[in-house]
Protein backbone atom coordinates (compact mmCIF):
# COMPACT_ATOMS: atom_id res chain seq x y z
CA MET A 1 -17.90 -15.66 29.34
CA GLN A 2 -14.63 -13.74 28.94
CA ASP A 3 -12.84 -14.04 25.42
CA PRO A 4 -9.52 -16.46 25.77
CA ARG A 5 -7.18 -13.55 23.64
CA SER A 6 -7.57 -11.12 26.09
CA GLN A 7 -5.61 -13.40 28.23
CA ALA A 8 -2.82 -12.08 25.99
CA ARG A 9 -1.72 -15.95 25.03
CA ILE A 10 0.43 -16.51 22.22
CA ARG A 11 -1.29 -19.58 20.49
CA LEU A 12 1.84 -21.44 18.84
CA LEU A 13 1.69 -23.91 15.75
CA ILE A 14 5.20 -26.16 15.57
CA VAL A 15 6.01 -27.15 11.93
CA ASP A 16 8.93 -29.39 11.55
CA ASP A 17 9.85 -32.90 9.96
CA VAL A 18 11.84 -34.31 13.26
CA PRO A 19 9.56 -35.15 15.89
CA ASP A 20 11.65 -34.56 18.39
CA THR A 21 11.92 -30.85 17.95
CA ALA A 22 8.23 -30.19 18.85
CA GLN A 23 8.99 -32.13 22.38
CA ASN A 24 11.86 -29.82 23.07
CA VAL A 25 10.11 -26.81 22.35
CA ARG A 26 7.39 -28.13 24.93
CA LYS A 27 10.00 -28.79 26.94
CA LEU A 28 11.67 -24.90 26.49
CA LEU A 29 8.11 -23.06 27.03
CA TYR A 30 7.18 -25.40 29.60
CA PHE A 31 7.05 -23.00 32.42
CA GLU A 32 5.79 -19.83 30.16
CA HIS A 33 2.32 -19.88 30.91
CA ASP A 34 1.50 -17.19 28.26
CA ILE A 35 2.63 -19.33 25.31
CA GLN A 36 0.17 -22.32 24.50
CA VAL A 37 1.44 -24.89 21.53
CA ILE A 38 -1.72 -25.55 20.09
CA GLY A 39 -0.82 -27.83 17.08
CA VAL A 40 2.14 -29.88 15.56
CA ALA A 41 2.73 -30.40 11.68
CA THR A 42 5.63 -32.89 10.70
CA SER A 43 5.55 -31.59 7.01
CA ALA A 44 5.58 -28.53 5.55
CA ARG A 45 2.22 -28.91 3.60
CA GLU A 46 0.38 -30.17 7.06
CA GLY A 47 1.25 -26.99 8.40
CA ILE A 48 -0.44 -24.78 5.48
CA ALA A 49 -3.39 -27.39 6.53
CA LYS A 50 -3.05 -26.69 10.10
CA ALA A 51 -2.44 -22.78 9.60
CA ALA A 52 -5.49 -22.05 7.96
CA GLN A 53 -7.40 -24.27 10.36
CA LEU A 54 -5.69 -23.27 13.85
CA ARG A 55 -4.87 -19.78 12.43
CA PRO A 56 -2.29 -19.70 15.46
CA ASP A 57 -0.82 -16.51 16.49
CA VAL A 58 2.84 -17.25 15.63
CA ILE A 59 3.91 -20.46 13.62
CA LEU A 60 7.55 -21.73 14.55
CA MET A 61 8.99 -23.02 11.38
CA ASP A 62 11.92 -25.51 10.49
CA ILE A 63 13.46 -24.08 7.02
CA ASN A 64 14.89 -27.31 5.75
CA MET A 65 11.85 -30.10 5.02
CA PRO A 66 11.90 -33.04 2.47
CA ASP A 67 7.85 -32.13 0.78
CA MET A 68 8.71 -28.21 0.88
CA ASP A 69 11.05 -25.74 2.29
CA GLY A 70 9.99 -24.24 5.20
CA LEU A 71 10.54 -20.78 3.08
CA ARG A 72 8.16 -21.62 0.31
CA ALA A 73 5.43 -22.82 2.85
CA THR A 74 5.81 -19.30 4.97
CA GLU A 75 4.82 -17.26 1.76
CA MET A 76 2.20 -19.37 1.11
CA ILE A 77 0.88 -19.28 4.28
CA LEU A 78 1.41 -15.78 5.07
CA ARG A 79 -1.08 -15.45 1.68
CA GLN A 80 -3.33 -16.87 3.30
CA VAL A 81 -3.29 -16.36 7.31
CA PRO A 82 -3.08 -13.37 9.41
CA THR A 83 -0.35 -14.69 11.20
CA ARG A 84 3.71 -14.41 12.02
CA VAL A 85 6.04 -16.83 11.63
CA VAL A 86 9.63 -17.69 12.91
CA MET A 87 12.20 -19.63 11.28
CA MET A 88 14.73 -22.10 12.55
CA SER A 89 17.14 -23.60 11.31
CA VAL A 90 20.91 -25.16 11.61
CA GLN A 91 22.15 -22.84 9.31
CA GLY A 92 23.50 -19.44 10.68
CA GLU A 93 25.03 -17.76 7.53
CA PRO A 94 23.53 -14.24 7.09
CA GLU A 95 21.98 -15.58 3.80
CA TYR A 96 19.60 -17.93 5.55
CA LEU A 97 18.34 -14.94 7.79
CA ASN A 98 18.27 -12.86 4.61
CA ARG A 99 15.95 -15.48 2.83
CA ALA A 100 13.95 -15.94 5.90
CA MET A 101 13.49 -12.16 6.14
CA MET A 102 12.31 -11.97 2.28
CA ALA A 103 10.04 -14.63 2.89
CA GLY A 104 8.38 -12.94 5.59
CA ALA A 105 9.21 -14.28 8.49
CA ARG A 106 9.55 -12.28 11.95
CA GLY A 107 12.36 -13.93 13.71
CA TYR A 108 14.89 -16.51 13.20
CA LEU A 109 16.61 -19.08 15.23
CA ILE A 110 19.75 -21.33 15.41
CA LYS A 111 19.46 -24.44 16.41
CA PRO A 112 20.00 -25.76 18.49
CA PHE A 113 18.36 -22.44 20.90
CA SER A 114 17.66 -21.63 24.37
CA SER A 115 14.78 -21.38 26.29
CA GLU A 116 15.61 -17.59 26.62
CA ASP A 117 15.92 -17.01 23.12
CA LEU A 118 12.96 -19.21 22.03
CA VAL A 119 10.41 -17.48 24.43
CA SER A 120 11.80 -13.74 23.70
CA THR A 121 11.82 -14.27 19.70
CA LEU A 122 8.33 -15.33 20.30
CA HIS A 123 7.31 -12.19 22.20
CA MET A 124 8.87 -10.19 19.81
CA ALA A 125 7.28 -12.05 16.77
CA ALA A 126 3.77 -11.64 18.72
CA GLN A 127 4.11 -8.04 19.10
CA VAL A 128 4.33 -7.46 15.32
CA PRO A 129 0.88 -6.21 14.00
CA VAL A 130 -0.92 -8.42 11.25
CA VAL A 131 -1.78 -6.79 8.45
CA PRO A 132 -3.55 -9.07 5.39
CA ALA A 133 -2.41 -9.17 2.33
CA PRO A 134 -3.62 -6.39 -0.13
CA THR A 135 -6.02 -7.19 -2.66
CA PRO A 136 -4.16 -6.58 -6.48
CA PRO A 137 -5.75 -4.21 -8.54
CA ALA A 138 -8.03 -4.96 -11.00
CA PRO A 139 -6.17 -5.49 -14.45
CA VAL A 140 -6.23 -2.20 -16.87
CA ALA A 141 -7.33 -3.03 -20.56
CA ALA A 142 -4.09 -3.34 -23.33
CA HIS A 143 -5.70 -0.03 -24.92
CA GLY A 144 -6.82 1.90 -21.93
CA SER A 145 -5.06 3.99 -19.37
CA GLY A 146 -1.88 2.38 -21.11
CA ARG A 147 -0.81 0.86 -17.52
CA LEU A 148 -0.18 -2.69 -16.82
CA ALA A 149 -1.72 -5.08 -15.31
CA PRO A 150 -0.38 -5.74 -11.81
CA PRO A 151 0.63 -9.18 -11.91
CA SER A 152 -1.59 -11.68 -10.58
CA ASN A 153 -0.57 -15.03 -9.83
CA GLU A 154 -0.88 -17.52 -6.99
CA ALA A 155 1.75 -15.76 -5.10
CA GLY A 156 -0.36 -12.54 -4.42
CA PRO A 157 0.70 -9.29 -4.34
CA LEU A 158 4.66 -8.73 -6.47
CA LYS A 159 7.11 -7.14 -4.05
CA ARG A 160 10.12 -6.82 -5.51
CA ILE A 161 14.03 -5.18 -4.37
CA ILE A 162 15.89 -3.53 -7.42
CA ALA A 163 19.51 -3.01 -7.09
CA ILE A 164 20.75 -0.54 -9.73
CA TYR A 165 24.71 -0.89 -9.35
CA SER A 166 27.88 -0.47 -11.42
CA PRO A 167 31.65 -0.96 -9.89
CA LYS A 168 32.59 2.24 -11.56
CA GLY A 169 31.07 5.53 -11.05
CA GLY A 170 29.56 7.89 -13.96
CA VAL A 171 28.13 5.37 -15.80
CA GLY A 172 24.32 7.19 -15.23
CA ARG A 173 22.89 4.64 -12.47
CA SER A 174 21.29 7.13 -10.41
CA VAL A 175 19.54 8.44 -13.42
CA ILE A 176 18.66 4.88 -14.61
CA ALA A 177 17.28 4.45 -10.72
CA CYS A 178 15.43 7.44 -11.17
CA ASN A 179 13.92 7.24 -14.17
CA LEU A 180 13.00 3.35 -13.85
CA ALA A 181 11.34 3.95 -10.45
CA VAL A 182 9.01 6.60 -12.18
CA ALA A 183 8.11 4.14 -15.31
CA LEU A 184 7.32 1.67 -12.97
CA LYS A 185 4.79 3.72 -10.96
CA LYS A 186 3.31 4.88 -14.14
CA LEU A 187 3.32 1.24 -16.05
CA THR A 188 1.77 -0.32 -12.84
CA ASP A 189 0.28 2.49 -10.43
CA MET A 190 1.56 0.16 -7.42
CA ARG A 191 3.80 1.69 -4.84
CA VAL A 192 7.11 2.23 -5.56
CA LEU A 193 9.96 3.49 -3.42
CA LEU A 194 13.28 5.10 -4.50
CA VAL A 195 16.05 4.56 -1.64
CA ASP A 196 19.24 6.61 -2.07
CA ALA A 197 21.80 3.89 -1.01
CA ASP A 198 24.50 6.42 -1.97
CA LEU A 199 25.09 6.82 1.50
CA GLN A 200 27.95 9.61 0.71
CA SER A 201 27.37 11.17 -2.35
CA GLY A 202 23.70 10.40 -3.53
CA ASP A 203 21.75 12.99 -5.50
CA ALA A 204 18.44 11.31 -5.84
CA HIS A 205 16.50 14.24 -4.39
CA VAL A 206 18.54 16.41 -6.77
CA LEU A 207 17.30 14.18 -10.07
CA LEU A 208 13.92 14.70 -9.24
CA ASN A 209 14.23 18.14 -7.91
CA MET A 210 12.90 17.45 -3.80
CA ASN A 211 14.73 19.15 -1.42
CA THR A 212 13.54 17.14 1.44
CA PRO A 213 14.98 17.39 5.05
CA ASN A 214 14.13 13.24 5.97
CA THR A 215 16.71 10.54 4.99
CA ILE A 216 17.54 7.37 5.66
CA ASP A 217 19.43 8.01 8.69
CA ASP A 218 16.04 8.68 10.41
CA LEU A 219 15.09 5.00 9.74
CA ARG A 220 18.43 3.73 10.74
CA GLU A 221 18.50 5.44 14.33
CA ALA A 222 14.93 4.56 14.99
CA GLY A 223 14.08 1.30 17.51
CA SER A 224 11.56 0.14 15.71
CA LEU A 225 9.80 1.15 12.34
CA ASP A 226 5.86 1.38 11.78
CA ALA A 227 4.07 2.64 8.92
CA GLU A 228 3.73 5.75 10.35
CA PHE A 229 7.28 6.30 11.11
CA ILE A 230 8.48 5.11 7.25
CA ARG A 231 5.48 7.59 5.51
CA GLY A 232 7.48 10.32 8.18
CA ALA A 233 10.67 9.54 6.58
CA VAL A 234 10.17 9.23 3.38
CA ALA A 235 8.91 12.11 0.24
CA MET A 236 6.39 11.82 -2.49
CA HIS A 237 7.35 13.01 -5.79
CA ASP A 238 4.72 14.32 -8.28
CA SER A 239 5.07 11.19 -10.51
CA GLY A 240 3.42 9.32 -7.26
CA VAL A 241 7.20 7.95 -6.75
CA GLU A 242 8.18 7.79 -2.68
CA LEU A 243 11.51 8.86 -2.34
CA LEU A 244 13.96 7.76 0.90
CA ARG A 245 16.72 10.52 0.53
CA ALA A 246 20.39 9.38 1.26
CA PRO A 247 22.11 10.70 4.54
CA ILE A 248 22.85 14.52 4.78
CA ALA A 249 25.83 14.13 6.76
CA LEU A 250 28.75 12.54 5.33
CA GLU A 251 29.91 10.55 8.09
CA SER A 252 26.74 8.66 8.60
CA ALA A 253 27.49 6.43 6.10
CA GLU A 254 30.03 4.57 8.22
CA LEU A 255 27.14 4.04 10.74
CA PHE A 256 25.35 1.86 8.36
CA THR A 257 26.08 -1.77 8.99
CA ALA A 258 25.23 -4.62 7.36
CA ASP A 259 22.41 -5.06 10.07
CA ALA A 260 21.37 -1.58 10.29
CA MET A 261 20.75 -1.88 6.18
CA LYS A 262 19.53 -5.37 6.66
CA ALA A 263 16.64 -4.07 9.03
CA ILE A 264 15.69 -1.08 7.32
CA LEU A 265 14.84 -2.86 3.77
CA VAL A 266 13.47 -5.60 5.54
CA GLU A 267 10.80 -3.34 6.70
CA LEU A 268 10.40 -1.15 3.75
CA ARG A 269 9.54 -4.06 1.74
CA GLU A 270 6.64 -4.79 4.02
CA HIS A 271 4.94 -1.27 3.01
CA PHE A 272 6.02 -0.87 -0.73
CA ASP A 273 5.44 -3.01 -3.71
CA TYR A 274 8.45 -2.06 -5.35
CA LEU A 275 11.88 -0.88 -3.74
CA VAL A 276 14.44 0.49 -6.14
CA ILE A 277 17.40 1.35 -4.79
CA ASP A 278 20.45 2.82 -6.15
CA CYS A 279 23.80 1.53 -4.73
CA ASP A 280 27.21 3.07 -4.98
CA ASP A 281 30.33 2.24 -6.42
CA THR A 282 31.72 0.18 -3.13
CA PHE A 283 31.73 -3.34 -1.58
CA SER A 284 30.62 -1.60 1.62
CA GLU A 285 29.02 -3.97 4.34
CA SER A 286 25.62 -1.65 3.30
CA THR A 287 26.10 -2.39 -0.50
CA LEU A 288 26.83 -6.26 -0.06
CA THR A 289 23.74 -6.30 2.16
CA VAL A 290 21.59 -4.44 -0.61
CA LEU A 291 22.94 -6.41 -3.31
CA ASP A 292 22.43 -9.56 -1.04
CA MET A 293 18.44 -8.89 -0.35
CA ALA A 294 17.66 -7.66 -3.94
CA ASP A 295 16.05 -10.26 -6.08
CA GLN A 296 17.66 -8.13 -9.45
CA ILE A 297 20.65 -6.51 -10.05
CA LEU A 298 20.97 -4.19 -12.56
CA LEU A 299 24.46 -4.20 -13.49
CA ILE A 300 25.12 -0.98 -15.37
CA THR A 301 28.20 -0.67 -18.01
CA THR A 302 28.78 2.03 -20.55
CA LEU A 303 30.76 1.42 -23.71
CA GLU A 304 34.30 2.59 -22.04
CA VAL A 305 37.34 -0.15 -21.71
CA THR A 306 37.57 1.03 -17.84
CA THR A 307 34.10 0.29 -17.13
CA ILE A 308 33.82 -2.86 -19.50
CA ASN A 309 36.69 -4.24 -17.17
CA LYS A 310 35.18 -3.63 -13.80
CA VAL A 311 31.74 -5.07 -14.76
CA THR A 312 33.93 -8.10 -16.14
CA ARG A 313 35.41 -8.66 -12.67
CA PHE A 314 32.32 -8.08 -10.94
CA PHE A 315 30.75 -10.88 -12.70
CA GLU A 316 33.78 -12.69 -11.42
CA VAL A 317 32.73 -11.73 -8.09
CA MET A 318 29.14 -12.43 -8.78
CA ASP A 319 30.13 -15.85 -9.39
CA ARG A 320 32.22 -16.41 -5.84
CA LEU A 321 29.15 -14.55 -3.86
CA GLY A 322 26.82 -17.45 -5.09
CA TYR A 323 24.36 -15.56 -6.78
CA ALA A 324 22.23 -16.85 -9.19
CA GLU A 325 22.73 -16.16 -12.89
CA ALA A 326 19.18 -14.95 -13.47
CA LYS A 327 19.30 -12.15 -10.21
CA VAL A 328 21.95 -9.86 -12.43
CA ARG A 329 20.59 -8.08 -15.54
CA LEU A 330 23.21 -6.59 -17.30
CA ILE A 331 22.24 -3.01 -18.56
CA CYS A 332 24.21 -0.87 -21.23
CA ASN A 333 23.92 2.81 -21.18
CA ARG A 334 24.91 5.38 -23.43
CA VAL A 335 24.71 3.04 -26.44
CA GLU A 336 26.25 5.25 -29.44
CA PRO A 337 27.96 3.96 -32.70
CA TYR A 338 30.79 6.29 -32.74
CA PHE A 339 32.30 5.16 -29.15
CA GLY A 340 33.83 2.58 -31.40
CA ILE A 341 33.09 -0.15 -29.16
CA LYS A 342 29.93 -2.35 -30.05
CA PRO A 343 27.50 -3.81 -27.55
CA ALA A 344 28.02 -7.28 -29.00
CA GLN A 345 31.83 -7.27 -28.62
CA VAL A 346 30.87 -6.29 -25.06
CA GLU A 347 28.87 -8.99 -24.25
CA SER A 348 31.36 -11.27 -25.28
CA GLN A 349 33.84 -9.83 -23.38
CA VAL A 350 31.56 -10.42 -20.26
CA ARG A 351 30.10 -13.85 -21.43
CA HIS A 352 26.13 -11.89 -20.68
CA ARG A 353 23.74 -10.64 -22.99
CA PHE A 354 22.17 -7.24 -22.54
CA THR A 355 18.95 -7.03 -21.01
CA ALA A 356 18.58 -3.39 -22.23
CA GLN A 357 20.58 -1.14 -24.06
CA ILE A 358 19.66 2.60 -23.39
CA PRO A 359 20.63 5.06 -26.42
CA GLU A 360 22.82 7.91 -25.73
CA ASP A 361 21.27 11.25 -25.91
CA ASN A 362 23.42 13.28 -24.08
CA ARG A 363 21.13 16.66 -24.65
CA LEU A 364 17.97 15.26 -23.85
CA VAL A 365 19.35 13.70 -20.76
CA VAL A 366 21.67 16.93 -19.07
CA THR A 367 18.85 18.80 -19.78
CA SER A 368 16.20 16.38 -17.91
CA VAL A 369 19.03 16.42 -15.11
CA ASN A 370 19.54 20.48 -14.53
CA ARG A 371 15.43 20.73 -14.84
CA GLY A 372 15.09 17.62 -12.42
CA ILE A 373 12.25 16.07 -14.33
CA PRO A 374 12.94 12.28 -15.26
CA VAL A 375 13.17 11.41 -18.78
CA VAL A 376 10.19 9.04 -18.91
CA LEU A 377 8.28 12.25 -18.04
CA THR A 378 9.51 15.07 -19.79
CA ASP A 379 9.78 12.72 -23.28
CA LYS A 380 8.06 9.72 -23.22
CA ARG A 381 8.65 9.10 -27.27
CA SER A 382 12.39 9.17 -27.19
CA THR A 383 14.53 6.71 -27.32
CA VAL A 384 16.02 6.85 -24.03
CA ALA A 385 12.38 6.91 -22.47
CA ARG A 386 11.38 4.19 -24.42
CA ALA A 387 14.17 2.01 -23.58
CA ILE A 388 13.34 2.68 -19.86
CA TYR A 389 9.89 1.90 -20.00
CA ALA A 390 10.63 -1.37 -21.46
CA LEU A 391 13.09 -2.38 -19.05
CA ALA A 392 10.53 -1.28 -16.57
CA GLU A 393 8.03 -3.60 -18.11
CA ARG A 394 10.27 -6.55 -17.52
CA MET A 395 11.02 -5.45 -14.08
CA ALA A 396 7.18 -5.70 -13.31
CA GLN A 397 6.67 -9.21 -14.80
CA PRO A 398 6.48 -12.04 -11.99
CA ASP A 399 9.53 -13.68 -13.61
CA PRO A 400 11.19 -10.84 -15.64
CA THR A 401 12.31 -12.09 -19.20
CA PRO A 402 15.13 -14.79 -18.68
CA VAL A 403 18.34 -13.14 -20.04
CA GLU A 404 20.46 -14.81 -22.68
CA THR A 405 23.80 -16.00 -21.79
CA ALA A 406 26.79 -16.58 -23.85
CA ARG A 407 29.13 -17.28 -21.08
CA ALA A 408 30.43 -20.64 -21.03
CA THR A 409 29.60 -22.77 -18.24
CA GLY A 410 31.76 -24.48 -15.70
CA ARG A 411 32.22 -21.45 -13.62
CA GLY A 412 32.16 -22.33 -10.27
CA THR A 413 30.99 -20.81 -7.17
CA ASP A 414 32.72 -21.55 -3.31
CA GLY A 415 29.91 -19.49 -1.66
CA SER A 416 32.98 -17.14 0.43
CA LYS A 417 31.33 -14.02 0.39
CA ARG A 418 33.19 -12.26 2.86
CA LYS A 419 36.78 -13.73 2.02
CA LEU A 420 36.29 -11.57 -1.32
CA PHE A 421 36.52 -8.59 0.82
CA GLY A 422 38.72 -9.16 3.70
CA ARG A 423 36.20 -9.72 6.03
């Protein structure tokens, strides 16, 4: 007897609390003999149960449902069932697409959609290889190798995008990004990718003493990204951290649209546990996309009036962008009393507390940079290295330690993301 799957039929499960949706989808697929609707669920929890029972090839999932949103349901299903999810919603804003992709969706449809859009999206999703979630490594004893036990909770292996950003250059952003990536690798022994998204002047490869010819440009120019292609674009550092270098040609920066950067990050997130992204100091489309998709933004400041002023303005922008308060963590770099400004004064000025304070040690850091070896490797006992390892520990937790804030309440968000930048 012939295996039904050998006919390459796409087995589809529809999850939507509106009964008419399933009926409309069936009508749109009436002439598509290679797509079979094998089940319908009218709630997210029913969808989770039916996905486990029916094991469909593709799930068409609505975002807004009364018992549980489709994003959460998608995450739960993909931890249990090797399938693909296509999200559908009446919301067409980019942040909804970002959230859907971050949840693991392989397509996004805006209601109402045409038969052509539905069919092409389902076919594209069905072509994506299904890879079961890996089993987290066994916890490491507290007095063992010194590594943290990998996060263990119902969400499965932790995947996090950490953006390192400052609205002013020269604050040590790239040095922190490189050292944080290495510290995360040493603490967790999970896959860590350092992405140099400073597209015109990135020097992460210099800080790590890696002269690789492959860059993020290779991923932008590719039509589709699979594990083998990504493996060829990144370079392995001696610490185990993998690096995706900034473009070599300066003019390439102009070619990184929001869509191009989004497509790259969505794919990279599938293959790595942590993406540590070194951003530039602009509000370009590519940088905004990184900040939008980041689970955590580490905002770097120093004890200089010009930097503090720009960081204060960034927090105002953050509110208008609609970012959750806990998404942005304030980091004070080069802390030294002789600068005349105390960290507490900065906290009062920006109305946010510091998640980490990294002390000034110019001799140690400059020597590390010149040698191309991160401080967390050259001098683990230094105050700088200890501060970065402490920050890495926070970032490695399933829910990083909440940031205490001292800012006044009542500052609203208008969600007008692109209006800020004349777009």
